[in-house]
Amino acid sequence: SYADNDDFAKTQELSSLAKAIAKIEGETFISYGDVLFKKYIAQELIDSKADILAVVDYDWQTSRNSARYADYVSCSEPQSTKSFYHEVLLTGIDNEMTEAKRHGEWAGIIKVSPKGAAIVQNLLKEMQQKPGFETQRMSDLIRALIEKGHEIRVIYTSRAGWLDIDNLDDVLLGSSF
């Protein structure tokens, strides 16, 4: 199924997501429409039992997004061989996060369990009632989830696992992805 935001040019991502709010049920992937990702990432998301799970690129320093908008994140611990064995949680998200606090870049992909879907639906409905909703981004939803105490588990990946398509160069790169 498809949900269309006729006001896309005047709004941001949450307005578009709100058009599909009824489809956020059960186990659901929520992703930007211009993100490509390798199937091993999808498999890791499917295999996880976390209620809310986000894909984070730990190699943010080499991001193609460094000169454009990027959702930088801080986590309960940076990617390392030790973090592989721990439950890493998202602790912050901000486009203007200082480099000292960055542990990665959110790749624009989350997965929710049935419980997580209900949490996201309820929070999205709550956010819709407040002024300025039309200009809010996905990062605002994620930040609100964190502020309300909901755990967002992290799956770390590297630049090789995903690609954000924002311009013609990205499209050309995506053709060999």
Protein backbone atom coordinates (compact mmCIF):
# COMPACT_ATOMS: atom_id res chain seq x y z
CA SER A 1 0.00 0.00 0.00
CA TYR A 2 1.02 3.58 -0.50
CA ALA A 3 0.39 6.79 1.43
CA ASP A 4 0.82 10.11 -0.35
CA ASN A 5 1.48 13.49 1.25
CA ASP A 6 0.07 16.06 -1.17
CA ASP A 7 1.58 18.84 0.97
CA PHE A 8 5.10 17.40 0.86
CA ALA A 9 6.66 20.61 -0.48
CA LYS A 10 5.40 22.54 2.58
CA THR A 11 5.96 19.88 5.25
CA GLN A 12 8.61 17.56 6.62
CA GLU A 13 8.91 13.79 7.16
CA LEU A 14 6.55 13.39 10.12
CA SER A 15 3.65 14.79 8.11
CA SER A 16 4.32 12.13 5.51
CA LEU A 17 4.61 9.39 8.14
CA ALA A 18 1.33 10.56 9.69
CA LYS A 19 -0.39 9.82 6.36
CA ALA A 20 0.54 6.15 6.90
CA ILE A 21 -0.15 6.02 10.64
CA ALA A 22 -2.74 3.23 10.27
CA LYS A 23 -0.11 1.06 8.56
CA ILE A 24 2.27 1.24 11.53
CA GLU A 25 1.09 -1.96 13.13
CA GLY A 26 2.68 -5.27 13.95
CA GLU A 27 6.31 -5.66 13.02
CA THR A 28 7.00 -2.69 10.75
CA PHE A 29 9.98 -1.17 8.96
CA ILE A 30 9.97 2.62 8.76
CA SER A 31 12.51 3.98 6.33
CA TYR A 32 13.17 7.03 4.24
CA GLY A 33 12.12 6.36 0.68
CA ASP A 34 15.52 7.36 -0.67
CA VAL A 35 17.61 4.91 1.38
CA LEU A 36 19.00 1.71 -0.06
CA PHE A 37 20.26 -0.95 2.32
CA LYS A 38 21.81 -4.38 2.01
CA LYS A 39 19.67 -7.40 2.82
CA TYR A 40 21.85 -8.37 5.80
CA ILE A 41 20.65 -5.19 7.53
CA ALA A 42 17.03 -6.17 6.93
CA GLN A 43 17.81 -9.65 8.29
CA GLU A 44 19.38 -8.22 11.45
CA LEU A 45 16.32 -6.04 11.97
CA ILE A 46 13.99 -9.00 11.48
CA ASP A 47 16.00 -11.19 13.85
CA SER A 48 15.94 -8.64 16.68
CA LYS A 49 13.30 -8.85 19.40
CA ALA A 50 13.74 -5.17 20.39
CA ASP A 51 10.59 -3.05 20.40
CA ILE A 52 12.30 -0.17 18.59
CA LEU A 53 15.51 -0.67 16.64
CA ALA A 54 17.58 1.87 14.68
CA VAL A 55 20.37 1.37 12.15
CA VAL A 56 23.41 3.55 12.90
CA ASP A 57 26.45 4.03 10.67
CA TYR A 58 29.49 4.17 12.93
CA ASP A 59 31.65 5.45 10.05
CA TRP A 60 30.06 8.93 10.09
CA GLN A 61 33.41 10.63 9.39
CA THR A 62 33.38 9.38 5.78
CA SER A 63 29.67 10.07 5.22
CA ARG A 64 28.59 11.52 1.89
CA ASN A 65 26.18 13.54 4.07
CA SER A 66 28.94 15.47 5.85
CA ALA A 67 28.28 18.52 3.64
CA ARG A 68 24.48 18.17 3.83
CA TYR A 69 21.84 17.39 6.42
CA ALA A 70 22.66 14.31 8.52
CA ASP A 71 21.09 12.82 11.65
CA TYR A 72 24.06 12.35 13.98
CA VAL A 73 23.52 10.18 17.03
CA SER A 74 25.02 9.44 20.39
CA CYS A 75 24.68 5.97 21.86
CA SER A 76 25.19 4.25 25.18
CA GLU A 77 28.58 3.16 23.82
CA PRO A 78 30.48 3.59 20.55
CA GLN A 79 30.87 0.78 18.06
CA SER A 80 33.67 -1.58 19.03
CA THR A 81 34.37 -5.27 19.31
CA LYS A 82 32.96 -5.07 22.86
CA SER A 83 29.74 -3.33 21.77
CA PHE A 84 28.98 -6.29 19.53
CA TYR A 85 28.18 -8.26 22.69
CA HIS A 86 26.22 -5.51 24.45
CA GLU A 87 22.80 -3.99 24.02
CA VAL A 88 23.62 -0.53 22.67
CA LEU A 89 20.93 2.14 23.00
CA LEU A 90 20.38 5.40 21.16
CA THR A 91 20.77 8.27 23.64
CA GLY A 92 20.52 11.34 21.38
CA ILE A 93 19.98 12.55 17.83
CA ASP A 94 20.79 15.97 16.38
CA ASN A 95 21.93 17.38 13.05
CA GLU A 96 24.17 19.82 14.91
CA MET A 97 25.64 17.36 17.44
CA THR A 98 29.25 18.12 18.26
CA GLU A 99 31.81 15.69 16.90
CA ALA A 100 32.89 14.82 20.43
CA LYS A 101 29.43 13.41 21.20
CA ARG A 102 28.86 11.59 17.88
CA HIS A 103 28.89 7.82 17.75
CA GLY A 104 27.40 7.64 14.29
CA GLU A 105 24.84 8.73 11.75
CA TRP A 106 21.29 7.39 11.79
CA ALA A 107 20.81 5.60 8.46
CA GLY A 108 17.12 6.50 8.17
CA ILE A 109 15.85 3.00 9.02
CA ILE A 110 13.98 1.78 12.08
CA LYS A 111 12.03 -1.37 12.84
CA VAL A 112 9.31 -1.64 15.43
CA SER A 113 7.73 -4.67 17.07
CA PRO A 114 3.96 -4.75 17.61
CA LYS A 115 4.52 -3.04 20.99
CA GLY A 116 6.91 -0.53 19.39
CA ALA A 117 4.39 0.17 16.63
CA ALA A 118 1.77 1.10 19.22
CA ILE A 119 4.28 3.36 20.99
CA VAL A 120 5.16 5.13 17.72
CA GLN A 121 1.51 5.47 16.69
CA ASN A 122 0.51 6.96 20.04
CA LEU A 123 3.44 9.37 20.13
CA LEU A 124 2.84 10.42 16.52
CA LYS A 125 -0.82 11.16 17.34
CA GLU A 126 0.28 13.18 20.38
CA MET A 127 2.82 15.14 18.33
CA GLN A 128 0.21 15.92 15.65
CA GLN A 129 -1.80 17.88 18.22
CA LYS A 130 1.01 20.34 18.90
CA PRO A 131 1.83 23.47 16.87
CA GLY A 132 4.65 23.09 14.39
CA PHE A 133 4.04 19.41 13.66
CA GLU A 134 4.16 20.05 9.90
CA THR A 135 7.83 21.03 10.09
CA GLN A 136 9.03 18.18 12.27
CA ARG A 137 11.44 15.53 11.06
CA MET A 138 11.91 11.86 11.88
CA SER A 139 14.71 12.92 14.21
CA ASP A 140 12.09 14.82 16.27
CA LEU A 141 10.08 11.61 16.66
CA ILE A 142 13.18 9.67 17.69
CA ARG A 143 14.19 12.41 20.13
CA ALA A 144 10.68 12.37 21.64
CA LEU A 145 10.85 8.58 22.03
CA ILE A 146 14.13 8.92 23.91
CA GLU A 147 12.81 11.78 26.07
CA LYS A 148 9.78 9.67 27.05
CA GLY A 149 12.10 6.88 28.19
CA HIS A 150 11.54 4.41 25.36
CA GLU A 151 14.58 2.32 24.55
CA ILE A 152 15.81 2.43 20.98
CA ARG A 153 18.26 -0.38 20.40
CA VAL A 154 21.07 0.19 17.90
CA ILE A 155 22.40 -2.02 15.14
CA TYR A 156 25.74 -0.65 14.00
CA THR A 157 26.71 -0.86 10.35
CA SER A 158 29.21 0.85 8.09
CA ARG A 159 28.87 2.94 4.97
CA ALA A 160 29.04 -0.23 2.88
CA GLY A 161 25.64 -1.38 4.19
CA TRP A 162 23.45 1.54 3.13
CA LEU A 163 23.20 4.48 0.77
CA ASP A 164 21.23 7.72 1.01
CA ILE A 165 20.09 8.89 -2.44
CA ASP A 166 19.94 12.69 -2.50
CA ASN A 167 21.37 13.73 -5.87
CA LEU A 168 22.42 12.46 -9.30
CA ASP A 169 25.84 11.30 -8.05
CA ASP A 170 24.04 9.17 -5.42
CA VAL A 171 21.77 7.70 -8.10
CA LEU A 172 24.79 6.71 -10.16
CA LEU A 173 26.47 5.20 -7.10
CA GLY A 174 23.23 3.40 -6.25
CA SER A 175 23.13 1.71 -9.65
CA SER A 176 26.10 -0.42 -8.55
CA PHE A 177 25.00 -0.80 -4.93
